[in-house]
C-alpha cells in the first residue's frame, strides 16, 4: 500500500486471469468482493513473492520476512 499525504492509497486495478477469459485488469473492489477472483489475485501475489524470495534468500536480514510469508502460505493452504 502506498501513502499520499499521509493517507493510505489502495491499488485501483488488479491483473487477474479468470477461468477461460484472458488476463485482464479488474477493479480491486470487484476482485476483493469475488471469492474466485480474490483467490486468483492471492495466488498471483504468492508466485511473485516466491520469485522474490528465491532471488534474495541469501540475505539473512530478510529471514523474518520469509518466515512471515511461509506462515501466510500455510494459512492460505489450510
C-alpha atoms as a PDB file:
ATOM      1  CA  UNK A   1       0.000   0.000   0.000  1.00  0.00           C
ATOM      2  CA  UNK A   2       1.285   3.450  -0.791  1.00  0.00           C
ATOM      3  CA  UNK A   3       0.672   6.683   1.079  1.00  0.00           C
ATOM      4  CA  UNK A   4      -0.154  10.080  -0.371  1.00  0.00           C
ATOM      5  CA  UNK A   5      -0.244  12.990   2.037  1.00  0.00           C
ATOM      6  CA  UNK A   6      -0.083  10.529   4.941  1.00  0.00           C
ATOM      7  CA  UNK A   7      -3.236   8.727   3.785  1.00  0.00           C
ATOM      8  CA  UNK A   8      -3.172   5.092   2.610  1.00  0.00           C
ATOM      9  CA  UNK A   9      -3.940   4.647  -1.079  1.00  0.00           C
ATOM     10  CA  UNK A  10      -5.407   1.416  -2.457  1.00  0.00           C
ATOM     11  CA  UNK A  11      -4.439   0.000  -5.833  1.00  0.00           C
ATOM     12  CA  UNK A  12      -7.323   0.745  -8.224  1.00  0.00           C
ATOM     13  CA  UNK A  13      -6.896  -2.237 -10.567  1.00  0.00           C
ATOM     14  CA  UNK A  14      -5.515  -5.775 -10.326  1.00  0.00           C
ATOM     15  CA  UNK A  15      -4.458  -8.003 -13.216  1.00  0.00           C
ATOM     16  CA  UNK A  16      -6.120 -11.419 -12.950  1.00  0.00           C
ATOM     17  CA  UNK A  17      -6.849 -14.363 -15.231  1.00  0.00           C
ATOM     18  CA  UNK A  18     -10.215 -15.881 -14.536  1.00  0.00           C
ATOM     19  CA  UNK A  19     -11.294 -19.290 -15.855  1.00  0.00           C
ATOM     20  CA  UNK A  20     -11.101 -19.279 -19.668  1.00  0.00           C
ATOM     21  CA  UNK A  21     -11.005 -15.497 -20.003  1.00  0.00           C
ATOM     22  CA  UNK A  22      -7.737 -13.788 -20.957  1.00  0.00           C
ATOM     23  CA  UNK A  23      -5.789 -11.975 -18.254  1.00  0.00           C
ATOM     24  CA  UNK A  24      -7.297  -8.536 -17.732  1.00  0.00           C
ATOM     25  CA  UNK A  25      -7.320  -5.657 -15.299  1.00  0.00           C
ATOM     26  CA  UNK A  26     -10.329  -5.566 -12.974  1.00  0.00           C
ATOM     27  CA  UNK A  27     -11.174  -3.114 -10.253  1.00  0.00           C
ATOM     28  CA  UNK A  28      -9.697  -4.000  -6.886  1.00  0.00           C
ATOM     29  CA  UNK A  29     -13.161  -3.723  -5.339  1.00  0.00           C
ATOM     30  CA  UNK A  30     -14.514  -6.326  -7.808  1.00  0.00           C
ATOM     31  CA  UNK A  31     -11.589  -8.696  -7.220  1.00  0.00           C
ATOM     32  CA  UNK A  32     -11.745  -8.428  -3.428  1.00  0.00           C
ATOM     33  CA  UNK A  33     -15.515  -8.997  -3.381  1.00  0.00           C
ATOM     34  CA  UNK A  34     -15.439 -12.142  -5.553  1.00  0.00           C
ATOM     35  CA  UNK A  35     -14.066 -15.255  -3.840  1.00  0.00           C
ATOM     36  CA  UNK A  36     -12.600 -16.801  -7.022  1.00  0.00           C
ATOM     37  CA  UNK A  37     -11.007 -13.575  -8.268  1.00  0.00           C
ATOM     38  CA  UNK A  38      -9.622 -12.831  -4.805  1.00  0.00           C
ATOM     39  CA  UNK A  39      -8.074 -16.318  -4.618  1.00  0.00           C
ATOM     40  CA  UNK A  40      -6.524 -15.787  -8.071  1.00  0.00           C
ATOM     41  CA  UNK A  41      -5.045 -12.446  -7.013  1.00  0.00           C
ATOM     42  CA  UNK A  42      -3.603 -14.032  -3.861  1.00  0.00           C
ATOM     43  CA  UNK A  43      -2.112 -16.941  -5.842  1.00  0.00           C
ATOM     44  CA  UNK A  44      -0.534 -14.473  -8.290  1.00  0.00           C
ATOM     45  CA  UNK A  45       0.932 -12.488  -5.407  1.00  0.00           C
ATOM     46  CA  UNK A  46       2.350 -15.638  -3.811  1.00  0.00           C
ATOM     47  CA  UNK A  47       4.046 -16.626  -7.088  1.00  0.00           C
ATOM     48  CA  UNK A  48       5.639 -13.179  -7.271  1.00  0.00           C
ATOM     49  CA  UNK A  49       6.716 -13.351  -3.625  1.00  0.00           C
ATOM     50  CA  UNK A  50       8.228 -16.804  -4.178  1.00  0.00           C
ATOM     51  CA  UNK A  51      10.309 -15.390  -7.044  1.00  0.00           C
ATOM     52  CA  UNK A  52      11.441 -12.510  -4.877  1.00  0.00           C
ATOM     53  CA  UNK A  53      12.270 -14.926  -2.064  1.00  0.00           C
ATOM     54  CA  UNK A  54      14.345 -17.111  -4.405  1.00  0.00           C
ATOM     55  CA  UNK A  55      16.359 -14.088  -5.548  1.00  0.00           C
ATOM     56  CA  UNK A  56      17.011 -12.719  -2.059  1.00  0.00           C
ATOM     57  CA  UNK A  57      17.037 -15.780   0.221  1.00  0.00           C
ATOM     58  CA  UNK A  58      20.758 -15.311   0.805  1.00  0.00           C
ATOM     59  CA  UNK A  59      20.084 -12.109   2.770  1.00  0.00           C
ATOM     60  CA  UNK A  60      19.808 -13.087   6.414  1.00  0.00           C
ATOM     61  CA  UNK A  61      18.381  -9.664   7.234  1.00  0.00           C
ATOM     62  CA  UNK A  62      15.171 -10.737   5.450  1.00  0.00           C
ATOM     63  CA  UNK A  63      14.771 -14.056   7.284  1.00  0.00           C
ATOM     64  CA  UNK A  64      11.832 -12.752   9.343  1.00  0.00           C
ATOM     65  CA  UNK A  65      10.078 -11.599   6.181  1.00  0.00           C
ATOM     66  CA  UNK A  66      10.499 -15.042   4.616  1.00  0.00           C
ATOM     67  CA  UNK A  67       9.143 -16.711   7.767  1.00  0.00           C
ATOM     68  CA  UNK A  68       6.074 -14.456   7.698  1.00  0.00           C
ATOM     69  CA  UNK A  69       5.483 -15.305   4.033  1.00  0.00           C
ATOM     70  CA  UNK A  70       5.740 -19.025   4.799  1.00  0.00           C
ATOM     71  CA  UNK A  71       3.230 -18.659   7.654  1.00  0.00           C
ATOM     72  CA  UNK A  72       0.789 -16.822   5.385  1.00  0.00           C
ATOM     73  CA  UNK A  73       1.143 -19.514   2.716  1.00  0.00           C
ATOM     74  CA  UNK A  74       0.382 -22.248   5.274  1.00  0.00           C
ATOM     75  CA  UNK A  75      -2.721 -20.377   6.465  1.00  0.00           C
ATOM     76  CA  UNK A  76      -3.951 -19.999   2.883  1.00  0.00           C
ATOM     77  CA  UNK A  77      -3.348 -23.688   2.148  1.00  0.00           C
ATOM     78  CA  UNK A  78      -5.493 -24.834   5.074  1.00  0.00           C
END
